């Protein structure tokens, strides 16, 4: 959970909201079929380290930085480096705009390719 002091109170942004913002940026990126990952390992990681962790998404928010790990599935036929760069740009913009945080560290793991149904 991210907390931010204001002049007369405290604003808390839940982990669910942070992950929703990032997931939306991912789904709006052309060439991405979805996110992958193991929900068990994500939940286990969260219990052990305090990180937000769900299928294909892990976020670590500290006072100094936001670190995001994305495990994605890319549609066959797209240029993987271009899709990843656009995804990084989309996530950076979403986190900066919606949360007011400095540019996050975004690590991407291309886990699978999605092939069209033939």
N, C-alpha and C. Protein backbone atom coordinates (compact mmCIF):
# COMPACT_ATOMS: atom_id res chain seq x y z
N UNK A 1 0.84 -1.17 0.00
CA UNK A 1 0.00 0.00 0.00
C UNK A 1 0.88 1.23 0.00
N UNK A 2 0.55 2.18 -0.82
CA UNK A 2 1.32 3.41 -0.92
C UNK A 2 0.64 4.48 -0.06
N UNK A 3 1.44 5.14 0.77
CA UNK A 3 0.92 6.22 1.61
C UNK A 3 1.61 7.51 1.24
N UNK A 4 0.84 8.59 1.26
CA UNK A 4 1.39 9.88 0.90
C UNK A 4 0.86 10.91 1.88
N UNK A 5 1.78 11.65 2.52
CA UNK A 5 1.37 12.70 3.44
C UNK A 5 0.89 13.92 2.67
N UNK A 6 -0.19 14.51 3.15
CA UNK A 6 -0.67 15.77 2.60
C UNK A 6 -0.67 16.78 3.73
N UNK A 7 -1.04 18.01 3.45
CA UNK A 7 -1.00 19.04 4.48
C UNK A 7 -1.90 18.69 5.66
N UNK A 8 -3.07 18.10 5.41
CA UNK A 8 -3.99 17.81 6.50
C UNK A 8 -4.50 16.39 6.41
N UNK A 9 -3.60 15.45 6.40
CA UNK A 9 -4.06 14.07 6.39
C UNK A 9 -3.16 13.17 5.57
N UNK A 10 -3.65 11.99 5.40
CA UNK A 10 -2.89 10.95 4.72
C UNK A 10 -3.74 10.34 3.62
N UNK A 11 -3.14 10.14 2.47
CA UNK A 11 -3.82 9.49 1.35
C UNK A 11 -3.20 8.12 1.20
N UNK A 12 -4.03 7.09 1.20
CA UNK A 12 -3.55 5.72 1.00
C UNK A 12 -4.11 5.18 -0.30
N UNK A 13 -3.23 4.60 -1.11
CA UNK A 13 -3.65 3.99 -2.37
C UNK A 13 -3.42 2.50 -2.22
N UNK A 14 -4.48 1.73 -2.34
CA UNK A 14 -4.38 0.29 -2.10
C UNK A 14 -3.57 -0.41 -3.18
N UNK A 15 -3.03 -1.56 -2.81
CA UNK A 15 -2.28 -2.39 -3.75
C UNK A 15 -3.13 -2.74 -4.95
N UNK A 16 -4.41 -2.97 -4.74
CA UNK A 16 -5.32 -3.34 -5.83
C UNK A 16 -5.42 -2.22 -6.86
N UNK A 17 -5.44 -0.97 -6.41
CA UNK A 17 -5.52 0.17 -7.33
C UNK A 17 -4.23 0.29 -8.13
N UNK A 18 -3.09 0.15 -7.46
CA UNK A 18 -1.79 0.24 -8.15
C UNK A 18 -1.70 -0.84 -9.23
N UNK A 19 -2.05 -2.07 -8.86
CA UNK A 19 -1.96 -3.15 -9.85
C UNK A 19 -2.98 -2.96 -10.97
N UNK A 20 -4.14 -2.40 -10.68
CA UNK A 20 -5.15 -2.15 -11.73
C UNK A 20 -4.65 -1.13 -12.74
N UNK A 21 -3.98 -0.10 -12.27
CA UNK A 21 -3.44 0.93 -13.17
C UNK A 21 -2.41 0.30 -14.10
N UNK A 22 -1.55 -0.52 -13.54
CA UNK A 22 -0.50 -1.16 -14.35
C UNK A 22 -1.12 -2.15 -15.32
N UNK A 23 -2.07 -2.96 -14.86
CA UNK A 23 -2.72 -3.94 -15.74
C UNK A 23 -3.43 -3.26 -16.90
N UNK A 24 -4.05 -2.13 -16.64
CA UNK A 24 -4.73 -1.41 -17.72
C UNK A 24 -3.71 -0.96 -18.77
N UNK A 25 -2.58 -0.43 -18.32
CA UNK A 25 -1.53 0.00 -19.26
C UNK A 25 -1.04 -1.19 -20.09
N UNK A 26 -0.96 -2.36 -19.47
CA UNK A 26 -0.52 -3.56 -20.19
C UNK A 26 -1.55 -3.95 -21.24
N UNK A 27 -2.83 -3.99 -20.86
CA UNK A 27 -3.86 -4.44 -21.80
C UNK A 27 -4.07 -3.47 -22.95
N UNK A 28 -3.71 -2.21 -22.76
CA UNK A 28 -3.87 -1.22 -23.81
C UNK A 28 -2.67 -1.17 -24.77
N UNK A 29 -1.69 -1.99 -24.53
CA UNK A 29 -0.49 -2.01 -25.38
C UNK A 29 -0.70 -2.99 -26.53
N UNK A 30 -0.62 -2.53 -27.77
CA UNK A 30 -0.80 -3.42 -28.92
C UNK A 30 0.26 -4.53 -28.94
N UNK A 31 -0.18 -5.73 -29.32
CA UNK A 31 0.73 -6.85 -29.43
C UNK A 31 0.80 -7.73 -28.21
N UNK A 32 0.17 -7.30 -27.12
CA UNK A 32 0.21 -8.11 -25.90
C UNK A 32 -1.08 -8.91 -25.80
N UNK A 33 -0.91 -10.24 -25.69
CA UNK A 33 -2.05 -11.13 -25.58
C UNK A 33 -2.54 -11.24 -24.14
N UNK A 34 -1.67 -10.99 -23.19
CA UNK A 34 -2.05 -11.09 -21.79
C UNK A 34 -0.83 -11.18 -20.90
N UNK A 35 -1.10 -11.52 -19.65
CA UNK A 35 -0.03 -11.68 -18.67
C UNK A 35 0.02 -13.13 -18.26
N UNK A 36 1.19 -13.57 -17.88
CA UNK A 36 1.34 -14.94 -17.44
C UNK A 36 1.90 -14.95 -16.04
N UNK A 37 2.13 -16.11 -15.52
CA UNK A 37 2.71 -16.21 -14.19
C UNK A 37 1.92 -17.16 -13.33
N UNK A 38 2.51 -17.50 -12.25
CA UNK A 38 1.91 -18.45 -11.32
C UNK A 38 1.33 -17.69 -10.13
N UNK A 39 0.00 -17.76 -9.92
CA UNK A 39 -0.59 -17.01 -8.81
C UNK A 39 -0.09 -17.46 -7.46
N UNK A 40 0.29 -18.73 -7.32
CA UNK A 40 0.78 -19.23 -6.04
C UNK A 40 2.09 -18.56 -5.68
N UNK A 41 3.03 -18.50 -6.65
CA UNK A 41 4.32 -17.88 -6.36
C UNK A 41 4.15 -16.38 -6.10
N UNK A 42 3.22 -15.74 -6.80
CA UNK A 42 2.98 -14.32 -6.57
C UNK A 42 2.46 -14.06 -5.17
N UNK A 43 1.48 -14.83 -4.73
CA UNK A 43 0.93 -14.66 -3.38
C UNK A 43 1.96 -15.02 -2.32
N UNK A 44 2.74 -16.05 -2.59
CA UNK A 44 3.78 -16.43 -1.66
C UNK A 44 4.82 -15.32 -1.55
N UNK A 45 5.19 -14.74 -2.68
CA UNK A 45 6.16 -13.64 -2.67
C UNK A 45 5.64 -12.47 -1.85
N UNK A 46 4.36 -12.19 -1.98
CA UNK A 46 3.78 -11.08 -1.23
C UNK A 46 3.82 -11.36 0.27
N UNK A 47 3.47 -12.58 0.67
CA UNK A 47 3.49 -12.90 2.10
C UNK A 47 4.90 -12.82 2.67
N UNK A 48 5.89 -13.21 1.87
CA UNK A 48 7.25 -13.24 2.37
C UNK A 48 7.94 -11.88 2.32
N UNK A 49 7.60 -11.06 1.34
CA UNK A 49 8.36 -9.82 1.16
C UNK A 49 7.54 -8.54 1.27
N UNK A 50 6.23 -8.64 1.33
CA UNK A 50 5.40 -7.45 1.38
C UNK A 50 5.16 -6.81 0.03
N UNK A 51 5.52 -7.49 -1.03
CA UNK A 51 5.32 -6.96 -2.38
C UNK A 51 3.92 -7.29 -2.86
N UNK A 52 3.44 -6.46 -3.80
CA UNK A 52 2.20 -6.77 -4.49
C UNK A 52 2.56 -7.84 -5.51
N UNK A 53 1.85 -8.96 -5.51
CA UNK A 53 2.19 -10.00 -6.48
C UNK A 53 0.95 -10.75 -6.92
N UNK A 54 0.66 -10.72 -8.20
CA UNK A 54 -0.44 -11.49 -8.76
C UNK A 54 0.03 -12.06 -10.09
N UNK A 55 -0.84 -12.73 -10.78
CA UNK A 55 -0.46 -13.35 -12.06
C UNK A 55 0.26 -12.37 -12.98
N UNK A 56 1.54 -12.65 -13.22
CA UNK A 56 2.29 -11.87 -14.19
C UNK A 56 2.68 -10.47 -13.76
N UNK A 57 2.40 -10.08 -12.54
CA UNK A 57 2.68 -8.72 -12.10
C UNK A 57 3.20 -8.73 -10.67
N UNK A 58 4.34 -8.07 -10.48
CA UNK A 58 4.88 -7.90 -9.14
C UNK A 58 5.31 -6.44 -9.02
N UNK A 59 4.90 -5.79 -7.94
CA UNK A 59 5.23 -4.38 -7.73
C UNK A 59 5.81 -4.22 -6.34
N UNK A 60 6.93 -3.51 -6.26
CA UNK A 60 7.56 -3.20 -4.99
C UNK A 60 7.63 -1.68 -4.87
N UNK A 61 6.84 -1.11 -3.96
CA UNK A 61 6.79 0.34 -3.78
C UNK A 61 7.57 0.69 -2.51
N UNK A 62 8.57 1.54 -2.67
CA UNK A 62 9.33 2.05 -1.52
C UNK A 62 9.27 3.56 -1.55
N UNK A 63 9.89 4.20 -0.57
CA UNK A 63 9.92 5.66 -0.54
C UNK A 63 10.71 6.23 -1.71
N UNK A 64 11.71 5.48 -2.17
CA UNK A 64 12.59 5.99 -3.21
C UNK A 64 12.15 5.62 -4.62
N UNK A 65 11.53 4.46 -4.80
CA UNK A 65 11.28 3.99 -6.16
C UNK A 65 10.12 3.01 -6.21
N UNK A 66 9.66 2.79 -7.43
CA UNK A 66 8.67 1.77 -7.72
C UNK A 66 9.32 0.80 -8.70
N UNK A 67 9.37 -0.48 -8.33
CA UNK A 67 9.93 -1.50 -9.22
C UNK A 67 8.80 -2.43 -9.64
N UNK A 68 8.67 -2.62 -10.95
CA UNK A 68 7.59 -3.42 -11.51
C UNK A 68 8.18 -4.56 -12.33
N UNK A 69 7.70 -5.77 -12.09
CA UNK A 69 8.08 -6.93 -12.89
C UNK A 69 6.84 -7.41 -13.61
N UNK A 70 6.91 -7.48 -14.95
CA UNK A 70 5.79 -7.94 -15.77
C UNK A 70 6.20 -9.21 -16.51
N UNK A 71 5.38 -10.24 -16.42
CA UNK A 71 5.55 -11.46 -17.20
C UNK A 71 4.42 -11.46 -18.21
N UNK A 72 4.77 -11.36 -19.49
CA UNK A 72 3.75 -11.14 -20.51
C UNK A 72 3.74 -12.21 -21.58
N UNK A 73 2.63 -12.23 -22.31
CA UNK A 73 2.46 -13.09 -23.48
C UNK A 73 2.28 -12.15 -24.67
N UNK A 74 3.11 -12.33 -25.68
CA UNK A 74 3.06 -11.47 -26.86
C UNK A 74 2.44 -12.23 -28.02
N UNK A 75 1.60 -11.53 -28.78
CA UNK A 75 1.00 -12.12 -29.98
C UNK A 75 2.07 -12.38 -31.02
N UNK A 76 1.98 -13.54 -31.65
CA UNK A 76 2.92 -13.91 -32.71
C UNK A 76 2.82 -12.89 -33.85
N UNK A 77 3.98 -12.53 -34.41
CA UNK A 77 4.02 -11.61 -35.54
C UNK A 77 4.43 -10.20 -35.17
N UNK A 78 4.39 -9.86 -33.89
CA UNK A 78 4.82 -8.53 -33.44
C UNK A 78 6.31 -8.55 -33.14
N UNK A 79 6.95 -7.41 -33.31
CA UNK A 79 8.37 -7.28 -32.99
C UNK A 79 8.51 -7.14 -31.47
N UNK A 80 9.10 -8.13 -30.86
CA UNK A 80 9.16 -8.20 -29.40
C UNK A 80 9.83 -6.98 -28.77
N UNK A 81 11.01 -6.53 -29.25
CA UNK A 81 11.62 -5.35 -28.63
C UNK A 81 10.75 -4.10 -28.72
N UNK A 82 10.05 -3.93 -29.84
CA UNK A 82 9.18 -2.75 -30.00
C UNK A 82 7.99 -2.81 -29.04
N UNK A 83 7.37 -3.98 -28.92
CA UNK A 83 6.24 -4.14 -28.01
C UNK A 83 6.68 -3.85 -26.58
N UNK A 84 7.84 -4.37 -26.19
CA UNK A 84 8.34 -4.16 -24.83
C UNK A 84 8.65 -2.69 -24.56
N UNK A 85 9.19 -1.98 -25.53
CA UNK A 85 9.48 -0.56 -25.34
C UNK A 85 8.19 0.25 -25.20
N UNK A 86 7.21 -0.05 -26.03
CA UNK A 86 5.91 0.63 -25.93
C UNK A 86 5.27 0.32 -24.58
N UNK A 87 5.36 -0.92 -24.14
CA UNK A 87 4.81 -1.30 -22.84
C UNK A 87 5.49 -0.52 -21.71
N UNK A 88 6.81 -0.44 -21.75
CA UNK A 88 7.52 0.33 -20.72
C UNK A 88 7.05 1.78 -20.72
N UNK A 89 6.94 2.38 -21.89
CA UNK A 89 6.48 3.77 -21.99
C UNK A 89 5.07 3.92 -21.42
N UNK A 90 4.17 2.99 -21.75
CA UNK A 90 2.79 3.06 -21.26
C UNK A 90 2.73 2.94 -19.74
N UNK A 91 3.50 2.02 -19.19
CA UNK A 91 3.51 1.83 -17.73
C UNK A 91 4.11 3.06 -17.05
N UNK A 92 5.21 3.59 -17.58
CA UNK A 92 5.81 4.80 -17.02
C UNK A 92 4.79 5.93 -16.97
N UNK A 93 4.12 6.18 -18.10
CA UNK A 93 3.16 7.27 -18.17
C UNK A 93 2.00 7.06 -17.18
N UNK A 94 1.50 5.84 -17.10
CA UNK A 94 0.37 5.57 -16.21
C UNK A 94 0.75 5.77 -14.75
N UNK A 95 1.91 5.27 -14.35
CA UNK A 95 2.34 5.40 -12.96
C UNK A 95 2.63 6.86 -12.61
N UNK A 96 3.29 7.56 -13.50
CA UNK A 96 3.57 8.99 -13.25
C UNK A 96 2.29 9.81 -13.19
N UNK A 97 1.40 9.59 -14.16
CA UNK A 97 0.18 10.39 -14.26
C UNK A 97 -0.82 10.07 -13.14
N UNK A 98 -1.11 8.80 -12.95
CA UNK A 98 -2.16 8.41 -12.00
C UNK A 98 -1.70 8.44 -10.53
N UNK A 99 -0.43 8.11 -10.29
CA UNK A 99 0.04 8.00 -8.91
C UNK A 99 0.96 9.14 -8.49
N UNK A 100 1.44 9.91 -9.47
CA UNK A 100 2.34 11.02 -9.14
C UNK A 100 3.71 10.56 -8.67
N UNK A 101 4.10 9.36 -9.07
CA UNK A 101 5.40 8.83 -8.66
C UNK A 101 6.43 9.04 -9.75
N UNK A 102 7.68 9.04 -9.35
CA UNK A 102 8.76 9.15 -10.34
C UNK A 102 8.74 7.92 -11.24
N UNK A 103 9.39 8.01 -12.39
CA UNK A 103 9.35 6.88 -13.33
C UNK A 103 9.76 5.57 -12.66
N UNK A 104 8.96 4.56 -12.83
CA UNK A 104 9.27 3.28 -12.20
C UNK A 104 10.34 2.52 -12.96
N UNK A 105 10.92 1.56 -12.28
CA UNK A 105 11.79 0.59 -12.92
C UNK A 105 10.86 -0.49 -13.44
N UNK A 106 10.88 -0.74 -14.74
CA UNK A 106 9.98 -1.73 -15.34
C UNK A 106 10.82 -2.84 -15.96
N UNK A 107 10.70 -4.02 -15.40
CA UNK A 107 11.37 -5.20 -15.94
C UNK A 107 10.32 -6.08 -16.60
N UNK A 108 10.63 -6.53 -17.81
CA UNK A 108 9.67 -7.32 -18.57
C UNK A 108 10.27 -8.67 -18.90
N UNK A 109 9.50 -9.70 -18.67
CA UNK A 109 9.89 -11.04 -19.08
C UNK A 109 8.84 -11.51 -20.08
N UNK A 110 9.28 -11.76 -21.32
CA UNK A 110 8.38 -12.31 -22.32
C UNK A 110 8.36 -13.81 -22.07
N UNK A 111 7.23 -14.27 -21.56
CA UNK A 111 7.12 -15.65 -21.08
C UNK A 111 6.60 -16.61 -22.15
N UNK A 112 5.73 -16.10 -23.04
CA UNK A 112 5.10 -16.97 -24.04
C UNK A 112 4.76 -16.17 -25.29
N UNK A 113 4.51 -16.90 -26.36
CA UNK A 113 3.94 -16.33 -27.58
C UNK A 113 2.54 -16.88 -27.75
N UNK A 114 1.63 -16.03 -28.18
CA UNK A 114 0.27 -16.47 -28.48
C UNK A 114 0.14 -16.58 -29.98
N UNK A 115 -0.24 -17.76 -30.43
CA UNK A 115 -0.38 -18.01 -31.86
C UNK A 115 -1.85 -17.91 -32.24
N UNK A 116 -2.15 -17.37 -33.44
CA UNK A 116 -3.55 -17.27 -33.86
C UNK A 116 -4.12 -18.67 -34.10
N UNK A 117 -5.40 -18.77 -33.86
CA UNK A 117 -6.07 -20.05 -34.14
C UNK A 117 -6.14 -20.24 -35.65
N UNK A 118 -5.58 -21.33 -36.09
CA UNK A 118 -5.58 -21.61 -37.53
C UNK A 118 -6.62 -22.64 -37.87
